[in-house]
């Protein structure tokens, strides 16, 4: 009987090998040859699944977004609305090894997208992820507003932007100075921010 190959799993394995190369050596080191060596495959096998570099980079970036989305979709809304909001925010912050890896890769891709001056394939992918994060922030602020929990006079659009900026800032601080911006500290600061919005 011929061996059944799970092509989706193979593609994810290659993308994860790319993540490891990017985290260890930088995005410029992420050639087909180095990724193949990291994955333990031949360069030809990698090219079978990803004929060009742009396709591989785009898939690896989309995998970051998909993993985050899967965790968010798995959250069951129970308990208080602010507590649920904080659980959602936990999933997009680099609070454990898996989420730190995702953020490190996202940061490397974002820097490369900026270097491409808006013309490369990564720019569209980073824009999509950025917009998805902003949409999540808008949904969470709106949930607090719909539950009648926000202080009077707060502007929902402005609070969405503030939350988005805080997420980006805390994530960057946690990546650059993990010994100072620990997961505990990140959660404390995020909790304090959400509580500061409540009536």
N, C-alpha and C. Protein backbone atom coordinates (compact mmCIF):
# COMPACT_ATOMS: atom_id res chain seq x y z
N UNK A 1 0.84 -1.19 0.00
CA UNK A 1 0.00 0.00 0.00
C UNK A 1 0.89 1.25 0.00
N UNK A 2 0.61 2.20 -0.91
CA UNK A 2 1.45 3.41 -0.95
C UNK A 2 1.29 4.24 0.33
N UNK A 3 2.37 4.89 0.71
CA UNK A 3 2.35 5.73 1.91
C UNK A 3 1.50 6.97 1.66
N UNK A 4 0.61 7.27 2.62
CA UNK A 4 -0.24 8.45 2.52
C UNK A 4 0.51 9.64 3.09
N UNK A 5 0.66 10.66 2.27
CA UNK A 5 1.39 11.85 2.68
C UNK A 5 0.40 12.96 3.01
N UNK A 6 0.52 13.51 4.20
CA UNK A 6 -0.32 14.65 4.59
C UNK A 6 0.39 15.91 4.12
N UNK A 7 -0.03 16.43 2.98
CA UNK A 7 0.67 17.57 2.39
C UNK A 7 0.53 18.83 3.24
N UNK A 8 -0.62 19.02 3.88
CA UNK A 8 -0.79 20.21 4.73
C UNK A 8 0.19 20.19 5.90
N UNK A 9 0.37 19.00 6.49
CA UNK A 9 1.32 18.87 7.60
C UNK A 9 2.74 19.12 7.12
N UNK A 10 3.08 18.58 5.94
CA UNK A 10 4.42 18.80 5.38
C UNK A 10 4.68 20.29 5.17
N UNK A 11 3.71 21.00 4.63
CA UNK A 11 3.88 22.43 4.40
C UNK A 11 4.09 23.17 5.72
N UNK A 12 3.36 22.77 6.76
CA UNK A 12 3.53 23.42 8.06
C UNK A 12 4.90 23.10 8.66
N UNK A 13 5.38 21.87 8.45
CA UNK A 13 6.71 21.50 8.94
C UNK A 13 7.79 22.37 8.30
N UNK A 14 7.64 22.62 7.00
CA UNK A 14 8.60 23.47 6.31
C UNK A 14 8.52 24.90 6.84
N UNK A 15 7.30 25.40 7.04
CA UNK A 15 7.13 26.76 7.57
C UNK A 15 7.73 26.88 8.97
N UNK A 16 7.55 25.84 9.79
CA UNK A 16 8.12 25.87 11.14
C UNK A 16 9.65 25.83 11.09
N UNK A 17 10.21 25.13 10.11
CA UNK A 17 11.66 25.14 9.94
C UNK A 17 12.12 26.55 9.57
N UNK A 18 11.36 27.22 8.71
CA UNK A 18 11.67 28.60 8.37
C UNK A 18 11.64 29.47 9.61
N UNK A 19 10.62 29.29 10.45
CA UNK A 19 10.53 30.06 11.71
C UNK A 19 11.82 29.90 12.52
N UNK A 20 12.29 28.65 12.65
CA UNK A 20 13.48 28.40 13.46
C UNK A 20 14.71 29.10 12.87
N UNK A 21 14.84 29.04 11.55
CA UNK A 21 15.97 29.71 10.90
C UNK A 21 15.89 31.21 11.13
N UNK A 22 14.71 31.78 10.95
CA UNK A 22 14.52 33.22 11.12
C UNK A 22 14.83 33.64 12.55
N UNK A 23 14.35 32.88 13.52
CA UNK A 23 14.59 33.24 14.93
C UNK A 23 16.07 33.14 15.29
N UNK A 24 16.75 32.16 14.73
CA UNK A 24 18.14 31.93 15.08
C UNK A 24 19.11 32.80 14.29
N UNK A 25 18.85 32.94 12.96
CA UNK A 25 19.84 33.54 12.08
C UNK A 25 19.35 34.77 11.32
N UNK A 26 18.08 35.11 11.46
CA UNK A 26 17.54 36.26 10.73
C UNK A 26 16.89 35.85 9.42
N UNK A 27 16.04 36.73 8.92
CA UNK A 27 15.25 36.40 7.74
C UNK A 27 16.11 36.29 6.48
N UNK A 28 17.24 37.00 6.43
CA UNK A 28 18.11 36.92 5.25
C UNK A 28 18.74 35.54 5.10
N UNK A 29 18.80 34.80 6.20
CA UNK A 29 19.38 33.45 6.15
C UNK A 29 18.38 32.40 5.70
N UNK A 30 17.12 32.81 5.50
CA UNK A 30 16.06 31.85 5.20
C UNK A 30 16.00 31.53 3.71
N UNK A 31 17.03 30.84 3.22
CA UNK A 31 17.05 30.38 1.83
C UNK A 31 16.43 28.98 1.77
N UNK A 32 16.12 28.54 0.57
CA UNK A 32 15.58 27.18 0.41
C UNK A 32 16.56 26.16 0.98
N UNK A 33 17.85 26.36 0.73
CA UNK A 33 18.86 25.43 1.20
C UNK A 33 18.91 25.36 2.74
N UNK A 34 18.92 26.52 3.41
CA UNK A 34 19.01 26.51 4.87
C UNK A 34 17.73 25.96 5.50
N UNK A 35 16.60 26.27 4.89
CA UNK A 35 15.32 25.76 5.41
C UNK A 35 15.24 24.25 5.22
N UNK A 36 15.68 23.77 4.07
CA UNK A 36 15.68 22.33 3.81
C UNK A 36 16.57 21.62 4.82
N UNK A 37 17.76 22.18 5.09
CA UNK A 37 18.68 21.57 6.06
C UNK A 37 18.05 21.56 7.45
N UNK A 38 17.38 22.64 7.80
CA UNK A 38 16.73 22.73 9.12
C UNK A 38 15.61 21.70 9.25
N UNK A 39 14.88 21.49 8.16
CA UNK A 39 13.76 20.55 8.18
C UNK A 39 14.21 19.10 8.01
N UNK A 40 15.48 18.91 7.60
CA UNK A 40 15.98 17.56 7.35
C UNK A 40 15.51 17.01 6.02
N UNK A 41 15.24 17.89 5.08
CA UNK A 41 14.77 17.49 3.76
C UNK A 41 15.75 17.94 2.70
N UNK A 42 15.52 17.52 1.47
CA UNK A 42 16.30 18.02 0.35
C UNK A 42 15.71 19.34 -0.12
N UNK A 43 16.54 20.14 -0.79
CA UNK A 43 16.04 21.40 -1.34
C UNK A 43 14.93 21.13 -2.36
N UNK A 44 15.06 20.04 -3.10
CA UNK A 44 14.03 19.69 -4.08
C UNK A 44 12.68 19.41 -3.45
N UNK A 45 12.70 18.76 -2.27
CA UNK A 45 11.44 18.48 -1.57
C UNK A 45 10.78 19.77 -1.12
N UNK A 46 11.59 20.72 -0.63
CA UNK A 46 11.03 22.02 -0.22
C UNK A 46 10.44 22.73 -1.43
N UNK A 47 11.16 22.69 -2.56
CA UNK A 47 10.66 23.37 -3.77
C UNK A 47 9.40 22.69 -4.33
N UNK A 48 9.23 21.41 -4.05
CA UNK A 48 8.02 20.71 -4.48
C UNK A 48 6.79 21.37 -3.85
N UNK A 49 6.91 21.70 -2.55
CA UNK A 49 5.78 22.31 -1.85
C UNK A 49 5.72 23.82 -2.03
N UNK A 50 6.87 24.45 -2.21
CA UNK A 50 6.93 25.90 -2.37
C UNK A 50 7.90 26.22 -3.51
N UNK A 51 7.38 26.32 -4.73
CA UNK A 51 8.25 26.55 -5.89
C UNK A 51 9.04 27.85 -5.84
N UNK A 52 8.55 28.84 -5.09
CA UNK A 52 9.29 30.10 -5.01
C UNK A 52 9.35 30.59 -3.57
N UNK A 53 10.32 31.46 -3.31
CA UNK A 53 10.57 31.98 -1.97
C UNK A 53 9.39 32.80 -1.45
N UNK A 54 8.76 33.58 -2.33
CA UNK A 54 7.63 34.40 -1.90
C UNK A 54 6.49 33.54 -1.37
N UNK A 55 6.24 32.42 -2.05
CA UNK A 55 5.17 31.54 -1.60
C UNK A 55 5.45 30.94 -0.24
N UNK A 56 6.70 30.58 0.00
CA UNK A 56 7.09 30.02 1.29
C UNK A 56 6.98 31.07 2.40
N UNK A 57 7.50 32.27 2.14
CA UNK A 57 7.43 33.33 3.14
C UNK A 57 5.99 33.71 3.44
N UNK A 58 5.17 33.81 2.40
CA UNK A 58 3.77 34.14 2.60
C UNK A 58 3.04 33.09 3.41
N UNK A 59 3.30 31.81 3.12
CA UNK A 59 2.66 30.72 3.86
C UNK A 59 3.11 30.75 5.32
N UNK A 60 4.40 30.97 5.56
CA UNK A 60 4.92 31.00 6.93
C UNK A 60 4.31 32.16 7.72
N UNK A 61 4.11 33.29 7.07
CA UNK A 61 3.48 34.43 7.73
C UNK A 61 2.02 34.14 8.02
N UNK A 62 1.32 33.55 7.06
CA UNK A 62 -0.08 33.21 7.25
C UNK A 62 -0.25 32.17 8.36
N UNK A 63 0.74 31.30 8.52
CA UNK A 63 0.66 30.28 9.57
C UNK A 63 0.68 30.93 10.94
N UNK A 64 1.44 32.00 11.12
CA UNK A 64 1.42 32.74 12.38
C UNK A 64 -0.01 33.20 12.67
N UNK A 65 -0.61 33.84 11.69
CA UNK A 65 -1.97 34.36 11.85
C UNK A 65 -2.97 33.24 12.12
N UNK A 66 -2.83 32.13 11.39
CA UNK A 66 -3.77 31.03 11.56
C UNK A 66 -3.69 30.40 12.94
N UNK A 67 -2.47 30.24 13.45
CA UNK A 67 -2.31 29.65 14.79
C UNK A 67 -2.96 30.54 15.85
N UNK A 68 -2.75 31.85 15.75
CA UNK A 68 -3.35 32.78 16.71
C UNK A 68 -4.88 32.71 16.59
N UNK A 69 -5.38 32.72 15.37
CA UNK A 69 -6.82 32.68 15.15
C UNK A 69 -7.44 31.40 15.71
N UNK A 70 -6.76 30.28 15.55
CA UNK A 70 -7.28 29.01 16.09
C UNK A 70 -7.38 29.06 17.60
N UNK A 71 -6.39 29.66 18.26
CA UNK A 71 -6.45 29.77 19.73
C UNK A 71 -7.59 30.70 20.16
N UNK A 72 -7.75 31.79 19.43
CA UNK A 72 -8.81 32.74 19.76
C UNK A 72 -10.18 32.09 19.56
N UNK A 73 -10.33 31.37 18.46
CA UNK A 73 -11.62 30.71 18.18
C UNK A 73 -11.97 29.64 19.20
N UNK A 74 -10.95 29.09 19.88
CA UNK A 74 -11.18 28.04 20.86
C UNK A 74 -11.62 28.58 22.22
N UNK A 75 -11.54 29.89 22.41
CA UNK A 75 -11.92 30.48 23.70
C UNK A 75 -13.42 30.38 23.89
N UNK A 76 -13.82 29.93 25.05
CA UNK A 76 -15.24 29.88 25.42
C UNK A 76 -15.52 31.10 26.30
N UNK A 77 -16.44 31.94 25.84
CA UNK A 77 -16.78 33.15 26.60
C UNK A 77 -17.60 32.77 27.82
N UNK A 78 -16.96 32.82 28.99
CA UNK A 78 -17.69 32.55 30.23
C UNK A 78 -17.10 33.43 31.32
N UNK A 79 -17.88 33.64 32.37
CA UNK A 79 -17.43 34.53 33.43
C UNK A 79 -17.68 35.98 33.04
N UNK A 80 -16.96 36.89 33.65
CA UNK A 80 -17.17 38.31 33.41
C UNK A 80 -16.67 38.71 32.03
N UNK A 81 -17.26 39.77 31.50
CA UNK A 81 -16.81 40.27 30.19
C UNK A 81 -15.36 40.74 30.25
N UNK A 82 -14.96 41.52 31.28
CA UNK A 82 -13.54 41.91 31.34
C UNK A 82 -12.60 40.70 31.44
N UNK A 83 -12.99 39.69 32.16
CA UNK A 83 -12.17 38.48 32.26
C UNK A 83 -12.03 37.80 30.92
N UNK A 84 -13.10 37.74 30.16
CA UNK A 84 -13.07 37.14 28.83
C UNK A 84 -12.20 37.97 27.89
N UNK A 85 -12.32 39.29 27.98
CA UNK A 85 -11.49 40.18 27.16
C UNK A 85 -10.01 39.90 27.43
N UNK A 86 -9.64 39.75 28.68
CA UNK A 86 -8.24 39.49 29.03
C UNK A 86 -7.78 38.13 28.52
N UNK A 87 -8.67 37.14 28.49
CA UNK A 87 -8.28 35.84 27.94
C UNK A 87 -7.99 35.95 26.45
N UNK A 88 -8.79 36.73 25.73
CA UNK A 88 -8.52 36.95 24.31
C UNK A 88 -7.17 37.65 24.13
N UNK A 89 -6.91 38.66 24.93
CA UNK A 89 -5.66 39.41 24.80
C UNK A 89 -4.45 38.54 25.09
N UNK A 90 -4.58 37.62 26.04
CA UNK A 90 -3.50 36.68 26.35
C UNK A 90 -3.01 35.94 25.10
N UNK A 91 -3.94 35.62 24.21
CA UNK A 91 -3.60 34.79 23.06
C UNK A 91 -2.81 35.52 21.99
N UNK A 92 -2.77 36.85 22.05
CA UNK A 92 -2.01 37.60 21.04
C UNK A 92 -0.77 38.26 21.64
N UNK A 93 -0.45 37.92 22.88
CA UNK A 93 0.74 38.43 23.54
C UNK A 93 1.79 37.32 23.67
N UNK A 94 3.08 37.63 23.58
CA UNK A 94 4.13 36.59 23.64
C UNK A 94 4.40 36.16 25.09
N UNK A 95 3.49 35.34 25.63
CA UNK A 95 3.54 34.98 27.04
C UNK A 95 4.12 33.59 27.30
N UNK A 96 4.36 32.81 26.26
CA UNK A 96 5.00 31.50 26.42
C UNK A 96 5.86 31.24 25.19
N UNK A 97 6.53 30.12 25.16
CA UNK A 97 7.48 29.86 24.08
C UNK A 97 6.81 29.86 22.70
N UNK A 98 5.64 29.25 22.61
CA UNK A 98 4.94 29.20 21.31
C UNK A 98 4.60 30.60 20.83
N UNK A 99 4.04 31.41 21.72
CA UNK A 99 3.64 32.76 21.32
C UNK A 99 4.85 33.68 21.12
N UNK A 100 5.94 33.44 21.85
CA UNK A 100 7.16 34.21 21.62
C UNK A 100 7.73 33.89 20.24
N UNK A 101 7.70 32.63 19.86
CA UNK A 101 8.18 32.25 18.52
C UNK A 101 7.35 32.94 17.44
N UNK A 102 6.05 32.94 17.61
CA UNK A 102 5.18 33.59 16.63
C UNK A 102 5.49 35.08 16.54
N UNK A 103 5.69 35.72 17.69
CA UNK A 103 5.95 37.16 17.66
C UNK A 103 7.32 37.46 17.06
N UNK A 104 8.33 36.65 17.40
CA UNK A 104 9.66 36.86 16.83
C UNK A 104 9.62 36.79 15.31
N UNK A 105 8.90 35.80 14.80
CA UNK A 105 8.80 35.64 13.34
C UNK A 105 8.01 36.81 12.74
N UNK A 106 6.91 37.17 13.39
CA UNK A 106 6.10 38.30 12.93
C UNK A 106 6.95 39.57 12.87
N UNK A 107 7.77 39.80 13.90
CA UNK A 107 8.60 41.00 13.96
C UNK A 107 9.63 41.00 12.83
N UNK A 108 10.26 39.86 12.59
CA UNK A 108 11.24 39.76 11.50
C UNK A 108 10.58 40.00 10.15
N UNK A 109 9.41 39.43 9.95
CA UNK A 109 8.70 39.61 8.69
C UNK A 109 8.27 41.07 8.51
N UNK A 110 7.82 41.68 9.60
CA UNK A 110 7.37 43.07 9.52
C UNK A 110 8.53 43.99 9.15
N UNK A 111 9.70 43.75 9.75
CA UNK A 111 10.88 44.55 9.43
C UNK A 111 11.27 44.37 7.95
N UNK A 112 11.21 43.13 7.48
CA UNK A 112 11.53 42.87 6.07
C UNK A 112 10.50 43.52 5.15
N UNK A 113 9.23 43.49 5.54
CA UNK A 113 8.17 44.13 4.74
C UNK A 113 8.43 45.62 4.61
N UNK A 114 8.88 46.26 5.69
CA UNK A 114 9.19 47.69 5.64
C UNK A 114 10.36 47.94 4.69
N UNK A 115 11.34 47.04 4.71
CA UNK A 115 12.49 47.18 3.82
C UNK A 115 12.11 47.04 2.36
N UNK A 116 11.01 46.31 2.11
CA UNK A 116 10.54 46.12 0.73
C UNK A 116 9.82 47.33 0.18
N UNK A 117 9.59 48.34 1.01
CA UNK A 117 8.95 49.60 0.60
C UNK A 117 7.56 49.39 0.01
N UNK A 118 6.84 48.42 0.56
CA UNK A 118 5.45 48.23 0.14
C UNK A 118 5.26 47.48 -1.14
N UNK A 119 6.35 47.05 -1.78
CA UNK A 119 6.23 46.42 -3.09
C UNK A 119 6.27 44.90 -3.02
N UNK A 120 6.72 44.34 -1.91
CA UNK A 120 6.92 42.90 -1.83
C UNK A 120 5.71 42.15 -1.30
N UNK A 121 5.82 40.84 -1.36
CA UNK A 121 4.71 39.99 -0.95
C UNK A 121 4.44 40.06 0.55
N UNK A 122 5.49 40.29 1.36
CA UNK A 122 5.28 40.31 2.80
C UNK A 122 4.46 41.50 3.26
N UNK A 123 4.52 42.59 2.51
CA UNK A 123 3.80 43.79 2.93
C UNK A 123 2.30 43.52 3.03
N UNK A 124 1.75 42.83 2.04
CA UNK A 124 0.32 42.52 2.06
C UNK A 124 -0.02 41.61 3.24
N UNK A 125 0.85 40.66 3.54
CA UNK A 125 0.59 39.74 4.65
C UNK A 125 0.66 40.46 6.00
N UNK A 126 1.65 41.34 6.18
CA UNK A 126 1.75 42.05 7.45
C UNK A 126 0.58 43.02 7.63
N UNK A 127 0.16 43.64 6.52
CA UNK A 127 -1.02 44.51 6.59
C UNK A 127 -2.25 43.74 7.04
N UNK A 128 -2.42 42.54 6.49
CA UNK A 128 -3.57 41.72 6.86
C UNK A 128 -3.56 41.38 8.34
N UNK A 129 -2.41 40.94 8.84
CA UNK A 129 -2.31 40.57 10.26
C UNK A 129 -2.52 41.79 11.15
N UNK A 130 -1.95 42.91 10.77
CA UNK A 130 -2.11 44.16 11.53
C UNK A 130 -3.59 44.54 11.59
N UNK A 131 -4.28 44.45 10.47
CA UNK A 131 -5.70 44.78 10.43
C UNK A 131 -6.54 43.81 11.25
N UNK A 132 -6.15 42.54 11.25
CA UNK A 132 -6.87 41.55 12.05
C UNK A 132 -6.73 41.85 13.54
N UNK A 133 -5.53 42.26 13.95
CA UNK A 133 -5.31 42.60 15.35
C UNK A 133 -6.13 43.83 15.75
N UNK A 134 -6.15 44.82 14.87
CA UNK A 134 -6.97 46.01 15.15
C UNK A 134 -8.45 45.64 15.25
N UNK A 135 -8.89 44.74 14.37
CA UNK A 135 -10.29 44.31 14.42
C UNK A 135 -10.60 43.59 15.72
N UNK A 136 -9.66 42.78 16.21
CA UNK A 136 -9.86 42.11 17.49
C UNK A 136 -9.99 43.15 18.61
N UNK A 137 -9.11 44.14 18.61
CA UNK A 137 -9.18 45.19 19.63
C UNK A 137 -10.54 45.90 19.57
N UNK A 138 -11.01 46.19 18.37
CA UNK A 138 -12.31 46.85 18.22
C UNK A 138 -13.43 45.97 18.77
N UNK A 139 -13.37 44.68 18.49
CA UNK A 139 -14.39 43.75 18.99
C UNK A 139 -14.40 43.70 20.51
N UNK A 140 -13.22 43.69 21.12
CA UNK A 140 -13.14 43.60 22.58
C UNK A 140 -13.62 44.88 23.25
N UNK A 141 -13.23 46.02 22.72
CA UNK A 141 -13.71 47.29 23.28
C UNK A 141 -15.23 47.40 23.10
N UNK A 142 -15.70 46.97 21.95
CA UNK A 142 -17.15 47.02 21.70
C UNK A 142 -17.90 46.09 22.65
N UNK A 143 -17.33 44.94 22.98
CA UNK A 143 -17.97 44.03 23.93
C UNK A 143 -18.12 44.68 25.30
N UNK A 144 -17.09 45.41 25.72
CA UNK A 144 -17.18 46.13 27.00
C UNK A 144 -18.24 47.23 26.93
N UNK A 145 -18.29 47.92 25.80
CA UNK A 145 -19.28 48.99 25.63
C UNK A 145 -20.70 48.42 25.61
N UNK A 146 -20.90 47.34 24.86
CA UNK A 146 -22.24 46.73 24.75
C UNK A 146 -22.73 46.20 26.08
N UNK A 147 -21.78 45.81 26.96
CA UNK A 147 -22.16 45.32 28.29
C UNK A 147 -22.38 46.47 29.26
N UNK A 148 -22.23 47.71 28.79
CA UNK A 148 -22.44 48.87 29.64
C UNK A 148 -21.36 49.06 30.68
N UNK A 149 -20.15 48.59 30.39
CA UNK A 149 -19.09 48.60 31.40
C UNK A 149 -18.10 49.74 31.24
N UNK A 150 -18.08 50.41 30.08
CA UNK A 150 -17.11 51.47 29.87
C UNK A 150 -17.51 52.74 30.61
N UNK A 151 -16.50 53.50 31.02
CA UNK A 151 -16.75 54.80 31.63
C UNK A 151 -17.49 55.70 30.64
N UNK A 152 -18.32 56.59 31.17
CA UNK A 152 -19.02 57.54 30.32
C UNK A 152 -18.01 58.43 29.59
N UNK A 153 -18.31 58.71 28.35
CA UNK A 153 -17.51 59.65 27.59
C UNK A 153 -16.33 59.04 26.86
N UNK A 154 -16.07 57.76 27.05
CA UNK A 154 -14.95 57.14 26.34
C UNK A 154 -15.30 56.98 24.86
N UNK A 155 -14.34 57.28 24.01
CA UNK A 155 -14.51 57.13 22.57
C UNK A 155 -14.05 55.73 22.17
N UNK A 156 -14.95 54.93 21.63
CA UNK A 156 -14.65 53.54 21.30
C UNK A 156 -13.53 53.44 20.28
N UNK A 157 -13.54 54.30 19.28
CA UNK A 157 -12.48 54.25 18.26
C UNK A 157 -11.11 54.57 18.87
N UNK A 158 -11.07 55.61 19.70
CA UNK A 158 -9.80 55.97 20.33
C UNK A 158 -9.31 54.87 21.25
N UNK A 159 -10.23 54.26 22.01
CA UNK A 159 -9.83 53.18 22.93
C UNK A 159 -9.36 51.94 22.17
N UNK A 160 -9.94 51.73 21.00
CA UNK A 160 -9.46 50.63 20.15
C UNK A 160 -8.01 50.88 19.75
N UNK A 161 -7.70 52.10 19.34
CA UNK A 161 -6.33 52.42 18.93
C UNK A 161 -5.37 52.34 20.11
N UNK A 162 -5.82 52.79 21.29
CA UNK A 162 -4.96 52.72 22.47
C UNK A 162 -4.66 51.27 22.84
N UNK A 163 -5.68 50.41 22.79
CA UNK A 163 -5.48 49.01 23.12
C UNK A 163 -4.53 48.35 22.12
N UNK A 164 -4.72 48.67 20.84
CA UNK A 164 -3.85 48.12 19.80
C UNK A 164 -2.40 48.55 20.04
N UNK A 165 -2.20 49.83 20.35
CA UNK A 165 -0.85 50.34 20.60
C UNK A 165 -0.24 49.68 21.83
N UNK A 166 -1.05 49.46 22.86
CA UNK A 166 -0.54 48.82 24.08
C UNK A 166 -0.14 47.37 23.79
N UNK A 167 -0.93 46.66 23.01
CA UNK A 167 -0.58 45.29 22.62
C UNK A 167 0.75 45.26 21.88
N UNK A 168 0.90 46.14 20.90
CA UNK A 168 2.15 46.18 20.14
C UNK A 168 3.32 46.52 21.05
N UNK A 169 3.14 47.52 21.90
CA UNK A 169 4.23 47.96 22.77
C UNK A 169 4.65 46.91 23.78
N UNK A 170 3.69 46.29 24.44
CA UNK A 170 4.01 45.25 25.41
C UNK A 170 4.67 44.05 24.74
N UNK A 171 4.20 43.70 23.56
CA UNK A 171 4.79 42.58 22.83
C UNK A 171 6.25 42.88 22.50
N UNK A 172 6.50 44.09 22.03
CA UNK A 172 7.86 44.47 21.67
C UNK A 172 8.76 44.49 22.91
N UNK A 173 8.26 45.05 24.01
CA UNK A 173 9.05 45.09 25.24
C UNK A 173 9.36 43.68 25.74
N UNK A 174 8.38 42.81 25.66
CA UNK A 174 8.57 41.43 26.11
C UNK A 174 9.60 40.70 25.25
N UNK A 175 9.65 41.04 23.95
CA UNK A 175 10.61 40.40 23.06
C UNK A 175 12.02 40.94 23.28
N UNK A 176 12.13 42.24 23.54
CA UNK A 176 13.44 42.87 23.67
C UNK A 176 14.03 42.68 25.07
N UNK A 177 13.21 42.81 26.10
CA UNK A 177 13.69 42.69 27.48
C UNK A 177 12.80 41.71 28.27
N UNK A 178 12.86 40.42 27.92
CA UNK A 178 11.97 39.45 28.57
C UNK A 178 12.19 39.33 30.08
N UNK A 179 13.41 39.62 30.54
CA UNK A 179 13.67 39.53 31.98
C UNK A 179 13.00 40.68 32.73
N UNK A 180 12.73 41.76 32.04
CA UNK A 180 12.08 42.91 32.67
C UNK A 180 10.58 42.91 32.43
N UNK A 181 10.19 42.69 31.18
CA UNK A 181 8.77 42.64 30.83
C UNK A 181 8.35 41.19 30.79
N UNK A 182 8.14 40.63 31.97
CA UNK A 182 7.82 39.21 32.11
C UNK A 182 6.35 38.96 31.78
N UNK A 183 5.97 37.71 31.54
CA UNK A 183 4.55 37.42 31.33
C UNK A 183 3.67 37.93 32.47
N UNK A 184 4.14 37.78 33.70
CA UNK A 184 3.36 38.28 34.84
C UNK A 184 3.16 39.78 34.74
N UNK A 185 4.24 40.50 34.41
CA UNK A 185 4.15 41.96 34.29
C UNK A 185 3.26 42.36 33.13
N UNK A 186 3.36 41.67 32.02
CA UNK A 186 2.51 41.97 30.87
C UNK A 186 1.04 41.82 31.25
N UNK A 187 0.71 40.73 31.92
CA UNK A 187 -0.68 40.51 32.33
C UNK A 187 -1.15 41.57 33.31
N UNK A 188 -0.28 41.96 34.23
CA UNK A 188 -0.64 43.01 35.19
C UNK A 188 -0.96 44.32 34.48
N UNK A 189 -0.10 44.70 33.56
CA UNK A 189 -0.30 45.96 32.84
C UNK A 189 -1.55 45.92 31.97
N UNK A 190 -1.79 44.79 31.32
CA UNK A 190 -2.98 44.68 30.49
C UNK A 190 -4.25 44.70 31.35
N UNK A 191 -4.21 44.01 32.48
CA UNK A 191 -5.36 44.02 33.39
C UNK A 191 -5.63 45.43 33.90
N UNK A 192 -4.56 46.14 34.28
CA UNK A 192 -4.70 47.51 34.77
C UNK A 192 -5.34 48.40 33.70
N UNK A 193 -4.90 48.23 32.45
CA UNK A 193 -5.46 49.06 31.38
C UNK A 193 -6.95 48.79 31.21
N UNK A 194 -7.32 47.52 31.13
CA UNK A 194 -8.75 47.20 30.94
C UNK A 194 -9.58 47.72 32.12
N UNK A 195 -9.07 47.54 33.33
CA UNK A 195 -9.80 48.01 34.51
C UNK A 195 -9.93 49.54 34.52
N UNK A 196 -8.94 50.22 33.94
CA UNK A 196 -9.00 51.70 33.90
C UNK A 196 -10.11 52.21 32.98
N UNK A 197 -10.60 51.34 32.11
CA UNK A 197 -11.67 51.74 31.18
C UNK A 197 -13.06 51.55 31.77
N UNK A 198 -13.13 50.81 32.86
CA UNK A 198 -14.43 50.40 33.37
C UNK A 198 -15.04 51.47 34.29
N UNK A 199 -16.37 51.56 34.22
CA UNK A 199 -17.10 52.53 35.07
C UNK A 199 -17.02 52.09 36.53
